Amino acid sequence: MQEQKPISPDTLANLSRWAGLVGIITIITGTLAAIMGLFTLVIGAIPGVVAVLLGFKLLHLKNNAENLHQEEKEPGPEELNNLAKNLVVFLKIQGVLIIIVLGVIAFTFISGFLALLFNY
C-alpha cells in the first residue's frame, strides 16, 4: 500500500501560485480603494486598508506554502499549523467583511423602503 502524504506537492504548488496571484491583486485593488476613499472621507479608506492587509496575509500564506513545497522532508505539524493559521485569519476577516456588507445592503433596502412608504 502506498504511503499517503498529508499534502501533495502539487496542491502546495497550486496553493502557493494562487495565493500569490490573489494576494497581489488584493493589494493593488486595496491600495486603489484606499486612495479613492481618502477623497471622500478619511473613513472611506478603511476598506482599502483592510484589503491591503488581507493581501499581505495571502502573501504570507504563499511563502509558507512555497517553503513546505521546497522542503525535502515531510512537513511537520508546526509548518502545517502556520499555513492553516494564515488561511484562517484571511477567511475570518473576509467573512466579517461580507457580513458587514450584507448588513449595509439590508440597511439600504430597508431605508429605501421606509422612504418610499413615507414619501420622503
PDB file of N, CA and C in Angstrom:
ATOM      1  N   MET A   1       0.840  -1.181   0.000  1.00  0.00           N
ATOM      2  CA  MET A   1       0.000   0.000   0.000  1.00  0.00           C
ATOM      3  C   MET A   1       0.891   1.253   0.000  1.00  0.00           C
ATOM      4  N   GLN A   2       0.488   2.242  -0.766  1.00  0.00           N
ATOM      5  CA  GLN A   2       1.279   3.456  -0.916  1.00  0.00           C
ATOM      6  C   GLN A   2       1.071   4.371   0.291  1.00  0.00           C
ATOM      7  N   GLU A   3       2.198   4.943   0.764  1.00  0.00           N
ATOM      8  CA  GLU A   3       2.129   5.860   1.902  1.00  0.00           C
ATOM      9  C   GLU A   3       1.562   7.193   1.433  1.00  0.00           C
ATOM     10  N   GLN A   4       0.593   7.708   2.172  1.00  0.00           N
ATOM     11  CA  GLN A   4      -0.077   8.958   1.812  1.00  0.00           C
ATOM     12  C   GLN A   4       0.543  10.116   2.582  1.00  0.00           C
ATOM     13  N   LYS A   5       0.886  11.179   1.855  1.00  0.00           N
ATOM     14  CA  LYS A   5       1.417  12.390   2.479  1.00  0.00           C
ATOM     15  C   LYS A   5       0.249  13.283   2.873  1.00  0.00           C
ATOM     16  N   PRO A   6       0.438  14.124   3.923  1.00  0.00           N
ATOM     17  CA  PRO A   6      -0.655  14.989   4.349  1.00  0.00           C
ATOM     18  C   PRO A   6      -1.113  15.960   3.264  1.00  0.00           C
ATOM     19  N   ILE A   7      -0.167  16.557   2.551  1.00  0.00           N
ATOM     20  CA  ILE A   7      -0.492  17.487   1.469  1.00  0.00           C
ATOM     21  C   ILE A   7       0.423  17.167   0.297  1.00  0.00           C
ATOM     22  N   SER A   8      -0.164  17.006  -0.873  1.00  0.00           N
ATOM     23  CA  SER A   8       0.650  16.661  -2.034  1.00  0.00           C
ATOM     24  C   SER A   8       1.441  17.881  -2.498  1.00  0.00           C
ATOM     25  N   PRO A   9       2.602  17.649  -3.122  1.00  0.00           N
ATOM     26  CA  PRO A   9       3.404  18.770  -3.646  1.00  0.00           C
ATOM     27  C   PRO A   9       2.653  19.599  -4.685  1.00  0.00           C
ATOM     28  N   ASP A  10       1.813  18.942  -5.498  1.00  0.00           N
ATOM     29  CA  ASP A  10       1.039  19.688  -6.495  1.00  0.00           C
ATOM     30  C   ASP A  10       0.045  20.636  -5.831  1.00  0.00           C
ATOM     31  N   THR A  11      -0.568  20.175  -4.752  1.00  0.00           N
ATOM     32  CA  THR A  11      -1.514  21.022  -4.029  1.00  0.00           C
ATOM     33  C   THR A  11      -0.810  22.225  -3.429  1.00  0.00           C
ATOM     34  N   LEU A  12       0.365  22.006  -2.857  1.00  0.00           N
ATOM     35  CA  LEU A  12       1.129  23.115  -2.282  1.00  0.00           C
ATOM     36  C   LEU A  12       1.555  24.112  -3.357  1.00  0.00           C
ATOM     37  N   ALA A  13       1.963  23.597  -4.519  1.00  0.00           N
ATOM     38  CA  ALA A  13       2.374  24.482  -5.613  1.00  0.00           C
ATOM     39  C   ALA A  13       1.194  25.314  -6.106  1.00  0.00           C
ATOM     40  N   ASN A  14       0.028  24.691  -6.265  1.00  0.00           N
ATOM     41  CA  ASN A  14      -1.163  25.427  -6.697  1.00  0.00           C
ATOM     42  C   ASN A  14      -1.598  26.445  -5.651  1.00  0.00           C
ATOM     43  N   LEU A  15      -1.552  26.056  -4.384  1.00  0.00           N
ATOM     44  CA  LEU A  15      -1.912  26.974  -3.303  1.00  0.00           C
ATOM     45  C   LEU A  15      -0.976  28.179  -3.298  1.00  0.00           C
ATOM     46  N   SER A  16       0.300  27.925  -3.459  1.00  0.00           N
ATOM     47  CA  SER A  16       1.284  29.000  -3.476  1.00  0.00           C
ATOM     48  C   SER A  16       1.045  29.940  -4.655  1.00  0.00           C
ATOM     49  N   ARG A  17       0.824  29.382  -5.811  1.00  0.00           N
ATOM     50  CA  ARG A  17       0.627  30.177  -7.025  1.00  0.00           C
ATOM     51  C   ARG A  17      -0.622  31.048  -6.908  1.00  0.00           C
ATOM     52  N   TRP A  18      -1.736  30.446  -6.529  1.00  0.00           N
ATOM     53  CA  TRP A  18      -2.994  31.184  -6.463  1.00  0.00           C
ATOM     54  C   TRP A  18      -3.032  32.168  -5.306  1.00  0.00           C
ATOM     55  N   ALA A  19      -2.465  31.807  -4.172  1.00  0.00           N
ATOM     56  CA  ALA A  19      -2.426  32.743  -3.041  1.00  0.00           C
ATOM     57  C   ALA A  19      -1.587  33.965  -3.405  1.00  0.00           C
ATOM     58  N   GLY A  20      -0.493  33.758  -4.129  1.00  0.00           N
ATOM     59  CA  GLY A  20       0.335  34.882  -4.557  1.00  0.00           C
ATOM     60  C   GLY A  20      -0.388  35.786  -5.534  1.00  0.00           C
ATOM     61  N   LEU A  21      -1.053  35.189  -6.514  1.00  0.00           N
ATOM     62  CA  LEU A  21      -1.771  35.972  -7.514  1.00  0.00           C
ATOM     63  C   LEU A  21      -2.911  36.768  -6.880  1.00  0.00           C
ATOM     64  N   VAL A  22      -3.732  36.088  -6.095  1.00  0.00           N
ATOM     65  CA  VAL A  22      -4.866  36.771  -5.456  1.00  0.00           C
ATOM     66  C   VAL A  22      -4.368  37.798  -4.437  1.00  0.00           C
ATOM     67  N   GLY A  23      -3.267  37.501  -3.754  1.00  0.00           N
ATOM     68  CA  GLY A  23      -2.704  38.446  -2.795  1.00  0.00           C
ATOM     69  C   GLY A  23      -2.242  39.728  -3.463  1.00  0.00           C
ATOM     70  N   ILE A  24      -1.552  39.607  -4.579  1.00  0.00           N
ATOM     71  CA  ILE A  24      -1.071  40.790  -5.299  1.00  0.00           C
ATOM     72  C   ILE A  24      -2.242  41.604  -5.840  1.00  0.00           C
ATOM     73  N   ILE A  25      -3.235  40.935  -6.413  1.00  0.00           N
ATOM     74  CA  ILE A  25      -4.408  41.641  -6.929  1.00  0.00           C
ATOM     75  C   ILE A  25      -5.157  42.337  -5.798  1.00  0.00           C
ATOM     76  N   THR A  26      -5.263  41.669  -4.642  1.00  0.00           N
ATOM     77  CA  THR A  26      -5.952  42.261  -3.496  1.00  0.00           C
ATOM     78  C   THR A  26      -5.202  43.483  -2.978  1.00  0.00           C
ATOM     79  N   ILE A  27      -3.885  43.422  -2.954  1.00  0.00           N
ATOM     80  CA  ILE A  27      -3.094  44.576  -2.512  1.00  0.00           C
ATOM     81  C   ILE A  27      -3.274  45.750  -3.477  1.00  0.00           C
ATOM     82  N   ILE A  28      -3.243  45.475  -4.772  1.00  0.00           N
ATOM     83  CA  ILE A  28      -3.391  46.548  -5.763  1.00  0.00           C
ATOM     84  C   ILE A  28      -4.779  47.180  -5.668  1.00  0.00           C
ATOM     85  N   THR A  29      -5.826  46.356  -5.639  1.00  0.00           N
ATOM     86  CA  THR A  29      -7.183  46.914  -5.567  1.00  0.00           C
ATOM     87  C   THR A  29      -7.432  47.593  -4.223  1.00  0.00           C
ATOM     88  N   GLY A  30      -6.852  47.055  -3.157  1.00  0.00           N
ATOM     89  CA  GLY A  30      -6.992  47.693  -1.848  1.00  0.00           C
ATOM     90  C   GLY A  30      -6.313  49.047  -1.795  1.00  0.00           C
ATOM     91  N   THR A  31      -5.150  49.154  -2.430  1.00  0.00           N
ATOM     92  CA  THR A  31      -4.455  50.436  -2.486  1.00  0.00           C
ATOM     93  C   THR A  31      -5.268  51.457  -3.262  1.00  0.00           C
ATOM     94  N   LEU A  32      -5.811  51.044  -4.395  1.00  0.00           N
ATOM     95  CA  LEU A  32      -6.656  51.949  -5.180  1.00  0.00           C
ATOM     96  C   LEU A  32      -7.902  52.354  -4.397  1.00  0.00           C
ATOM     97  N   ALA A  33      -8.509  51.401  -3.690  1.00  0.00           N
ATOM     98  CA  ALA A  33      -9.705  51.713  -2.894  1.00  0.00           C
ATOM     99  C   ALA A  33      -9.369  52.662  -1.749  1.00  0.00           C
ATOM    100  N   ALA A  34      -8.207  52.486  -1.132  1.00  0.00           N
ATOM    101  CA  ALA A  34      -7.806  53.376  -0.039  1.00  0.00           C
ATOM    102  C   ALA A  34      -7.564  54.785  -0.557  1.00  0.00           C
ATOM    103  N   ILE A  35      -6.935  54.903  -1.709  1.00  0.00           N
ATOM    104  CA  ILE A  35      -6.686  56.229  -2.290  1.00  0.00           C
ATOM    105  C   ILE A  35      -8.011  56.897  -2.660  1.00  0.00           C
ATOM    106  N   MET A  36      -8.919  56.148  -3.276  1.00  0.00           N
ATOM    107  CA  MET A  36     -10.224  56.708  -3.635  1.00  0.00           C
ATOM    108  C   MET A  36     -11.021  57.055  -2.384  1.00  0.00           C
ATOM    109  N   GLY A  37     -10.892  56.255  -1.333  1.00  0.00           N
ATOM    110  CA  GLY A  37     -11.607  56.515  -0.102  1.00  0.00           C
ATOM    111  C   GLY A  37     -11.117  57.755   0.603  1.00  0.00           C
ATOM    112  N   LEU A  38      -9.867  58.106   0.424  1.00  0.00           N
ATOM    113  CA  LEU A  38      -9.334  59.322   1.034  1.00  0.00           C
ATOM    114  C   LEU A  38      -9.971  60.578   0.452  1.00  0.00           C
ATOM    115  N   PHE A  39     -10.406  60.499  -0.808  1.00  0.00           N
ATOM    116  CA  PHE A  39     -11.021  61.668  -1.427  1.00  0.00           C
ATOM    117  C   PHE A  39     -12.437  61.906  -0.933  1.00  0.00           C
ATOM    118  N   THR A  40     -13.112  60.850  -0.480  1.00  0.00           N
ATOM    119  CA  THR A  40     -14.476  61.036   0.028  1.00  0.00           C
ATOM    120  C   THR A  40     -14.426  61.464   1.489  1.00  0.00           C
ATOM    121  N   LEU A  41     -13.952  60.603   2.314  1.00  0.00           N
ATOM    122  CA  LEU A  41     -13.748  60.868   3.740  1.00  0.00           C
ATOM    123  C   LEU A  41     -12.564  60.020   4.177  1.00  0.00           C
ATOM    124  N   VAL A  42     -11.971  60.353   5.280  1.00  0.00           N
ATOM    125  CA  VAL A  42     -10.855  59.546   5.769  1.00  0.00           C
ATOM    126  C   VAL A  42     -11.330  58.133   6.104  1.00  0.00           C
ATOM    127  N   ILE A  43     -12.565  58.034   6.613  1.00  0.00           N
ATOM    128  CA  ILE A  43     -13.094  56.717   6.969  1.00  0.00           C
ATOM    129  C   ILE A  43     -13.311  55.845   5.727  1.00  0.00           C
ATOM    130  N   GLY A  44     -13.413  56.469   4.563  1.00  0.00           N
ATOM    131  CA  GLY A  44     -13.590  55.723   3.328  1.00  0.00           C
ATOM    132  C   GLY A  44     -12.372  54.904   2.931  1.00  0.00           C
ATOM    133  N   ALA A  45     -11.228  55.203   3.527  1.00  0.00           N
ATOM    134  CA  ALA A  45     -10.006  54.471   3.202  1.00  0.00           C
ATOM    135  C   ALA A  45      -9.899  53.161   3.982  1.00  0.00           C
ATOM    136  N   ILE A  46     -10.725  52.996   5.001  1.00  0.00           N
ATOM    137  CA  ILE A  46     -10.613  51.807   5.856  1.00  0.00           C
ATOM    138  C   ILE A  46     -10.804  50.499   5.084  1.00  0.00           C
ATOM    139  N   PRO A  47     -11.819  50.361   4.218  1.00  0.00           N
ATOM    140  CA  PRO A  47     -11.938  49.098   3.466  1.00  0.00           C
ATOM    141  C   PRO A  47     -10.716  48.801   2.597  1.00  0.00           C
ATOM    142  N   GLY A  48     -10.119  49.834   2.029  1.00  0.00           N
ATOM    143  CA  GLY A  48      -8.920  49.635   1.218  1.00  0.00           C
ATOM    144  C   GLY A  48      -7.746  49.157   2.051  1.00  0.00           C
ATOM    145  N   VAL A  49      -7.593  49.726   3.246  1.00  0.00           N
ATOM    146  CA  VAL A  49      -6.508  49.309   4.138  1.00  0.00           C
ATOM    147  C   VAL A  49      -6.710  47.864   4.575  1.00  0.00           C
ATOM    148  N   VAL A  50      -7.949  47.492   4.868  1.00  0.00           N
ATOM    149  CA  VAL A  50      -8.240  46.102   5.249  1.00  0.00           C
ATOM    150  C   VAL A  50      -7.920  45.166   4.089  1.00  0.00           C
ATOM    151  N   ALA A  51      -8.257  45.576   2.871  1.00  0.00           N
ATOM    152  CA  ALA A  51      -7.949  44.742   1.698  1.00  0.00           C
ATOM    153  C   ALA A  51      -6.441  44.576   1.521  1.00  0.00           C
ATOM    154  N   VAL A  52      -5.683  45.628   1.762  1.00  0.00           N
ATOM    155  CA  VAL A  52      -4.218  45.524   1.669  1.00  0.00           C
ATOM    156  C   VAL A  52      -3.693  44.544   2.714  1.00  0.00           C
ATOM    157  N   LEU A  53      -4.219  44.619   3.928  1.00  0.00           N
ATOM    158  CA  LEU A  53      -3.801  43.674   4.976  1.00  0.00           C
ATOM    159  C   LEU A  53      -4.157  42.237   4.608  1.00  0.00           C
ATOM    160  N   LEU A  54      -5.326  42.041   4.000  1.00  0.00           N
ATOM    161  CA  LEU A  54      -5.706  40.703   3.546  1.00  0.00           C
ATOM    162  C   LEU A  54      -4.759  40.214   2.446  1.00  0.00           C
ATOM    163  N   GLY A  55      -4.353  41.101   1.576  1.00  0.00           N
ATOM    164  CA  GLY A  55      -3.405  40.731   0.523  1.00  0.00           C
ATOM    165  C   GLY A  55      -2.071  40.290   1.100  1.00  0.00           C
ATOM    166  N   PHE A  56      -1.609  41.002   2.135  1.00  0.00           N
ATOM    167  CA  PHE A  56      -0.350  40.598   2.769  1.00  0.00           C
ATOM    168  C   PHE A  56      -0.497  39.259   3.486  1.00  0.00           C
ATOM    169  N   LYS A  57      -1.671  38.986   4.057  1.00  0.00           N
ATOM    170  CA  LYS A  57      -1.907  37.688   4.690  1.00  0.00           C
ATOM    171  C   LYS A  57      -1.803  36.577   3.653  1.00  0.00           C
ATOM    172  N   LEU A  58      -2.340  36.835   2.462  1.00  0.00           N
ATOM    173  CA  LEU A  58      -2.242  35.837   1.393  1.00  0.00           C
ATOM    174  C   LEU A  58      -0.798  35.654   0.929  1.00  0.00           C
ATOM    175  N   LEU A  59      -0.015  36.717   0.932  1.00  0.00           N
ATOM    176  CA  LEU A  59       1.393  36.572   0.555  1.00  0.00           C
ATOM    177  C   LEU A  59       2.160  35.765   1.605  1.00  0.00           C
ATOM    178  N   HIS A  60       1.801  35.918   2.883  1.00  0.00           N
ATOM    179  CA  HIS A  60       2.407  35.078   3.929  1.00  0.00           C
ATOM    180  C   HIS A  60       2.023  33.614   3.712  1.00  0.00           C
ATOM    181  N   LEU A  61       0.779  33.395   3.345  1.00  0.00           N
ATOM    182  CA  LEU A  61       0.319  32.037   3.049  1.00  0.00           C
ATOM    183  C   LEU A  61       1.097  31.461   1.870  1.00  0.00           C
ATOM    184  N   LYS A  62       1.320  32.280   0.850  1.00  0.00           N
ATOM    185  CA  LYS A  62       2.092  31.843  -0.318  1.00  0.00           C
ATOM    186  C   LYS A  62       3.505  31.440   0.099  1.00  0.00           C
ATOM    187  N   ASN A  63       4.143  32.265   0.941  1.00  0.00           N
ATOM    188  CA  ASN A  63       5.500  31.944   1.390  1.00  0.00           C
ATOM    189  C   ASN A  63       5.540  30.651   2.196  1.00  0.00           C
ATOM    190  N   ASN A  64       4.561  30.450   3.072  1.00  0.00           N
ATOM    191  CA  ASN A  64       4.512  29.206   3.844  1.00  0.00           C
ATOM    192  C   ASN A  64       4.343  27.997   2.929  1.00  0.00           C
ATOM    193  N   ALA A  65       3.461  28.125   1.933  1.00  0.00           N
ATOM    194  CA  ALA A  65       3.237  27.014   1.005  1.00  0.00           C
ATOM    195  C   ALA A  65       4.489  26.742   0.173  1.00  0.00           C
ATOM    196  N   GLU A  66       5.188  27.791  -0.259  1.00  0.00           N
ATOM    197  CA  GLU A  66       6.426  27.597  -1.023  1.00  0.00           C
ATOM    198  C   GLU A  66       7.491  26.901  -0.184  1.00  0.00           C
ATOM    199  N   ASN A  67       7.627  27.326   1.078  1.00  0.00           N
ATOM    200  CA  ASN A  67       8.614  26.694   1.962  1.00  0.00           C
ATOM    201  C   ASN A  67       8.297  25.219   2.169  1.00  0.00           C
ATOM    202  N   LEU A  68       7.023  24.894   2.337  1.00  0.00           N
ATOM    203  CA  LEU A  68       6.644  23.491   2.501  1.00  0.00           C
ATOM    204  C   LEU A  68       6.888  22.708   1.221  1.00  0.00           C
ATOM    205  N   HIS A  69       6.637  23.338   0.085  1.00  0.00           N
ATOM    206  CA  HIS A  69       6.814  22.654  -1.197  1.00  0.00           C
ATOM    207  C   HIS A  69       8.293  22.385  -1.490  1.00  0.00           C
ATOM    208  N   GLN A  70       9.180  23.284  -1.067  1.00  0.00           N
ATOM    209  CA  GLN A  70      10.600  23.146  -1.371  1.00  0.00           C
ATOM    210  C   GLN A  70      11.329  22.212  -0.414  1.00  0.00           C
ATOM    211  N   GLU A  71      10.757  21.946   0.745  1.00  0.00           N
ATOM    212  CA  GLU A  71      11.423  21.071   1.706  1.00  0.00           C
ATOM    213  C   GLU A  71      11.402  19.633   1.211  1.00  0.00           C
ATOM    214  N   GLU A  72      12.500  18.957   1.435  1.00  0.00           N
ATOM    215  CA  GLU A  72      12.599  17.559   1.029  1.00  0.00           C
ATOM    216  C   GLU A  72      11.834  16.646   1.986  1.00  0.00           C
ATOM    217  N   LYS A  73      11.866  17.006   3.258  1.00  0.00           N
ATOM    218  CA  LYS A  73      11.195  16.162   4.252  1.00  0.00           C
ATOM    219  C   LYS A  73       9.706  16.471   4.287  1.00  0.00           C
ATOM    220  N   GLU A  74       8.966  15.579   4.904  1.00  0.00           N
ATOM    221  CA  GLU A  74       7.534  15.765   5.038  1.00  0.00           C
ATOM    222  C   GLU A  74       7.247  16.895   6.029  1.00  0.00           C
ATOM    223  N   PRO A  75       6.285  17.763   5.723  1.00  0.00           N
ATOM    224  CA  PRO A  75       6.017  18.893   6.618  1.00  0.00           C
ATOM    225  C   PRO A  75       5.519  18.427   7.978  1.00  0.00           C
ATOM    226  N   GLY A  76       6.014  19.097   9.014  1.00  0.00           N
ATOM    227  CA  GLY A  76       5.606  18.779  10.365  1.00  0.00           C
ATOM    228  C   GLY A  76       4.346  19.528  10.745  1.00  0.00           C
ATOM    229  N   PRO A  77       3.834  19.218  11.928  1.00  0.00           N
ATOM    230  CA  PRO A  77       2.601  19.878  12.370  1.00  0.00           C
ATOM    231  C   PRO A  77       2.742  21.390  12.512  1.00  0.00           C
ATOM    232  N   GLU A  78       3.930  21.868  12.924  1.00  0.00           N
ATOM    233  CA  GLU A  78       4.114  23.310  13.109  1.00  0.00           C
ATOM    234  C   GLU A  78       4.019  24.056  11.780  1.00  0.00           C
ATOM    235  N   GLU A  79       4.634  23.509  10.737  1.00  0.00           N
ATOM    236  CA  GLU A  79       4.565  24.157   9.424  1.00  0.00           C
ATOM    237  C   GLU A  79       3.141  24.161   8.884  1.00  0.00           C
ATOM    238  N   LEU A  80       2.439  23.043   9.061  1.00  0.00           N
ATOM    239  CA  LEU A  80       1.060  22.977   8.592  1.00  0.00           C
ATOM    240  C   LEU A  80       0.165  23.909   9.396  1.00  0.00           C
ATOM    241  N   ASN A  81       0.450  24.053  10.699  1.00  0.00           N
ATOM    242  CA  ASN A  81      -0.324  24.984  11.519  1.00  0.00           C
ATOM    243  C   ASN A  81      -0.122  26.422  11.070  1.00  0.00           C
ATOM    244  N   ASN A  82       1.117  26.800  10.729  1.00  0.00           N
ATOM    245  CA  ASN A  82       1.379  28.156  10.231  1.00  0.00           C
ATOM    246  C   ASN A  82       0.620  28.411   8.937  1.00  0.00           C
ATOM    247  N   LEU A  83       0.604  27.416   8.064  1.00  0.00           N
ATOM    248  CA  LEU A  83      -0.129  27.531   6.807  1.00  0.00           C
ATOM    249  C   LEU A  83      -1.616  27.712   7.084  1.00  0.00           C
ATOM    250  N   ALA A  84      -2.157  26.900   7.978  1.00  0.00           N
ATOM    251  CA  ALA A  84      -3.583  26.965   8.290  1.00  0.00           C
ATOM    252  C   ALA A  84      -3.942  28.256   9.019  1.00  0.00           C
ATOM    253  N   LYS A  85      -3.054  28.740   9.899  1.00  0.00           N
ATOM    254  CA  LYS A  85      -3.344  29.974  10.641  1.00  0.00           C
ATOM    255  C   LYS A  85      -3.519  31.158   9.696  1.00  0.00           C
ATOM    256  N   ASN A  86      -2.627  31.289   8.713  1.00  0.00           N
ATOM    257  CA  ASN A  86      -2.747  32.397   7.758  1.00  0.00           C
ATOM    258  C   ASN A  86      -4.040  32.294   6.958  1.00  0.00           C
ATOM    259  N   LEU A  87      -4.401  31.088   6.586  1.00  0.00           N
ATOM    260  CA  LEU A  87      -5.638  30.897   5.833  1.00  0.00           C
ATOM    261  C   LEU A  87      -6.861  31.196   6.698  1.00  0.00           C
ATOM    262  N   VAL A  88      -6.831  30.775   7.953  1.00  0.00           N
ATOM    263  CA  VAL A  88      -7.959  31.013   8.860  1.00  0.00           C
ATOM    264  C   VAL A  88      -8.146  32.510   9.118  1.00  0.00           C
ATOM    265  N   VAL A  89      -7.046  33.228   9.344  1.00  0.00           N
ATOM    266  CA  VAL A  89      -7.154  34.675   9.583  1.00  0.00           C
ATOM    267  C   VAL A  89      -7.733  35.368   8.351  1.00  0.00           C
ATOM    268  N   PHE A  90      -7.258  34.991   7.176  1.00  0.00           N
ATOM    269  CA  PHE A  90      -7.793  35.569   5.941  1.00  0.00           C
ATOM    270  C   PHE A  90      -9.287  35.301   5.826  1.00  0.00           C
ATOM    271  N   LEU A  91      -9.708  34.064   6.057  1.00  0.00           N
ATOM    272  CA  LEU A  91     -11.117  33.713   5.909  1.00  0.00           C
ATOM    273  C   LEU A  91     -11.990  34.392   6.967  1.00  0.00           C
ATOM    274  N   LYS A  92     -11.485  34.532   8.188  1.00  0.00           N
ATOM    275  CA  LYS A  92     -12.257  35.218   9.233  1.00  0.00           C
ATOM    276  C   LYS A  92     -12.485  36.681   8.880  1.00  0.00           C
ATOM    277  N   ILE A  93     -11.426  37.376   8.483  1.00  0.00           N
ATOM    278  CA  ILE A  93     -11.563  38.791   8.139  1.00  0.00           C
ATOM    279  C   ILE A  93     -12.478  38.951   6.926  1.00  0.00           C
ATOM    280  N   GLN A  94     -12.313  38.093   5.940  1.00  0.00           N
ATOM    281  CA  GLN A  94     -13.155  38.157   4.749  1.00  0.00           C
ATOM    282  C   GLN A  94     -14.617  37.888   5.114  1.00  0.00           C
ATOM    283  N   GLY A  95     -14.855  36.930   6.004  1.00  0.00           N
ATOM    284  CA  GLY A  95     -16.217  36.638   6.444  1.00  0.00           C
ATOM    285  C   GLY A  95     -16.853  37.802   7.180  1.00  0.00           C
ATOM    286  N   VAL A  96     -16.092  38.457   8.054  1.00  0.00           N
ATOM    287  CA  VAL A  96     -16.613  39.627   8.766  1.00  0.00           C
ATOM    288  C   VAL A  96     -16.950  40.737   7.775  1.00  0.00           C
ATOM    289  N   LEU A  97     -16.088  40.946   6.790  1.00  0.00           N
ATOM    290  CA  LEU A  97     -16.366  41.978   5.784  1.00  0.00           C
ATOM    291  C   LEU A  97     -17.635  41.660   4.988  1.00  0.00           C
ATOM    292  N   ILE A  98     -17.836  40.402   4.657  1.00  0.00           N
ATOM    293  CA  ILE A  98     -19.044  40.008   3.925  1.00  0.00           C
ATOM    294  C   ILE A  98     -20.284  40.253   4.775  1.00  0.00           C
ATOM    295  N   ILE A  99     -20.220  39.929   6.057  1.00  0.00           N
ATOM    296  CA  ILE A  99     -21.355  40.157   6.954  1.00  0.00           C
ATOM    297  C   ILE A  99     -21.656  41.657   7.054  1.00  0.00           C
ATOM    298  N   ILE A 100     -20.616  42.476   7.166  1.00  0.00           N
ATOM    299  CA  ILE A 100     -20.808  43.930   7.241  1.00  0.00           C
ATOM    300  C   ILE A 100     -21.453  44.447   5.960  1.00  0.00           C
ATOM    301  N   VAL A 101     -20.980  43.991   4.818  1.00  0.00           N
ATOM    302  CA  VAL A 101     -21.546  44.441   3.542  1.00  0.00           C
ATOM    303  C   VAL A 101     -23.011  44.017   3.426  1.00  0.00           C
ATOM    304  N   LEU A 102     -23.329  42.787   3.826  1.00  0.00           N
ATOM    305  CA  LEU A 102     -24.722  42.351   3.775  1.00  0.00           C
ATOM    306  C   LEU A 102     -25.596  43.186   4.708  1.00  0.00           C
ATOM    307  N   GLY A 103     -25.056  43.571   5.864  1.00  0.00           N
ATOM    308  CA  GLY A 103     -25.790  44.440   6.779  1.00  0.00           C
ATOM    309  C   GLY A 103     -26.040  45.805   6.182  1.00  0.00           C
ATOM    310  N   VAL A 104     -25.031  46.359   5.525  1.00  0.00           N
ATOM    311  CA  VAL A 104     -25.191  47.670   4.882  1.00  0.00           C
ATOM    312  C   VAL A 104     -26.215  47.587   3.753  1.00  0.00           C
ATOM    313  N   ILE A 105     -26.178  46.516   2.990  1.00  0.00           N
ATOM    314  CA  ILE A 105     -27.149  46.346   1.907  1.00  0.00           C
ATOM    315  C   ILE A 105     -28.563  46.235   2.476  1.00  0.00           C
ATOM    316  N   ALA A 106     -28.733  45.452   3.530  1.00  0.00           N
ATOM    317  CA  ALA A 106     -30.047  45.317   4.155  1.00  0.00           C
ATOM    318  C   ALA A 106     -30.530  46.660   4.699  1.00  0.00           C
ATOM    319  N   PHE A 107     -29.638  47.399   5.348  1.00  0.00           N
ATOM    320  CA  PHE A 107     -29.991  48.726   5.875  1.00  0.00           C
ATOM    321  C   PHE A 107     -30.417  49.664   4.752  1.00  0.00           C
ATOM    322  N   THR A 108     -29.720  49.599   3.627  1.00  0.00           N
ATOM    323  CA  THR A 108     -30.047  50.455   2.486  1.00  0.00           C
ATOM    324  C   THR A 108     -31.427  50.123   1.931  1.00  0.00           C
ATOM    325  N   PHE A 109     -31.708  48.821   1.772  1.00  0.00           N
ATOM    326  CA  PHE A 109     -33.018  48.433   1.261  1.00  0.00           C
ATOM    327  C   PHE A 109     -34.136  48.819   2.221  1.00  0.00           C
ATOM    328  N   ILE A 110     -33.927  48.600   3.505  1.00  0.00           N
ATOM    329  CA  ILE A 110     -34.950  48.952   4.496  1.00  0.00           C
ATOM    330  C   ILE A 110     -35.157  50.463   4.521  1.00  0.00           C
ATOM    331  N   SER A 111     -34.075  51.234   4.485  1.00  0.00           N
ATOM    332  CA  SER A 111     -34.187  52.696   4.475  1.00  0.00           C
ATOM    333  C   SER A 111     -34.911  53.179   3.222  1.00  0.00           C
ATOM    334  N   GLY A 112     -34.571  52.595   2.092  1.00  0.00           N
ATOM    335  CA  GLY A 112     -35.233  52.965   0.844  1.00  0.00           C
ATOM    336  C   GLY A 112     -36.711  52.622   0.866  1.00  0.00           C
ATOM    337  N   PHE A 113     -37.052  51.455   1.412  1.00  0.00           N
ATOM    338  CA  PHE A 113     -38.456  51.056   1.513  1.00  0.00           C
ATOM    339  C   PHE A 113     -39.224  51.999   2.429  1.00  0.00           C
ATOM    340  N   LEU A 114     -38.625  52.342   3.575  1.00  0.00           N
ATOM    341  CA  LEU A 114     -39.289  53.262   4.502  1.00  0.00           C
ATOM    342  C   LEU A 114     -39.426  54.657   3.892  1.00  0.00           C
ATOM    343  N   ALA A 115     -38.430  55.088   3.124  1.00  0.00           N
ATOM    344  CA  ALA A 115     -38.512  56.394   2.466  1.00  0.00           C
ATOM    345  C   ALA A 115     -39.639  56.404   1.440  1.00  0.00           C
ATOM    346  N   LEU A 116     -39.803  55.327   0.696  1.00  0.00           N
ATOM    347  CA  LEU A 116     -40.915  55.241  -0.267  1.00  0.00           C
ATOM    348  C   LEU A 116     -42.257  55.174   0.446  1.00  0.00           C
ATOM    349  N   LEU A 117     -42.259  54.456   1.561  1.00  0.00           N
ATOM    350  CA  LEU A 117     -43.501  54.275   2.304  1.00  0.00           C
ATOM    351  C   LEU A 117     -44.001  55.594   2.877  1.00  0.00           C
ATOM    352  N   PHE A 118     -43.081  56.406   3.358  1.00  0.00           N
ATOM    353  CA  PHE A 118     -43.474  57.668   3.972  1.00  0.00           C
ATOM    354  C   PHE A 118     -43.250  58.879   3.063  1.00  0.00           C
ATOM    355  N   ASN A 119     -43.050  58.637   1.775  1.00  0.00           N
ATOM    356  CA  ASN A 119     -42.910  59.679   0.747  1.00  0.00           C
ATOM    357  C   ASN A 119     -41.843  60.714   1.053  1.00  0.00           C
ATOM    358  N   TYR A 120     -40.652  60.262   1.381  1.00  0.00           N
ATOM    359  CA  TYR A 120     -39.549  61.202   1.631  1.00  0.00           C
ATOM    360  C   TYR A 120     -38.773  61.384   0.389  1.00  0.00           C
TER     361      TYR A 120
END
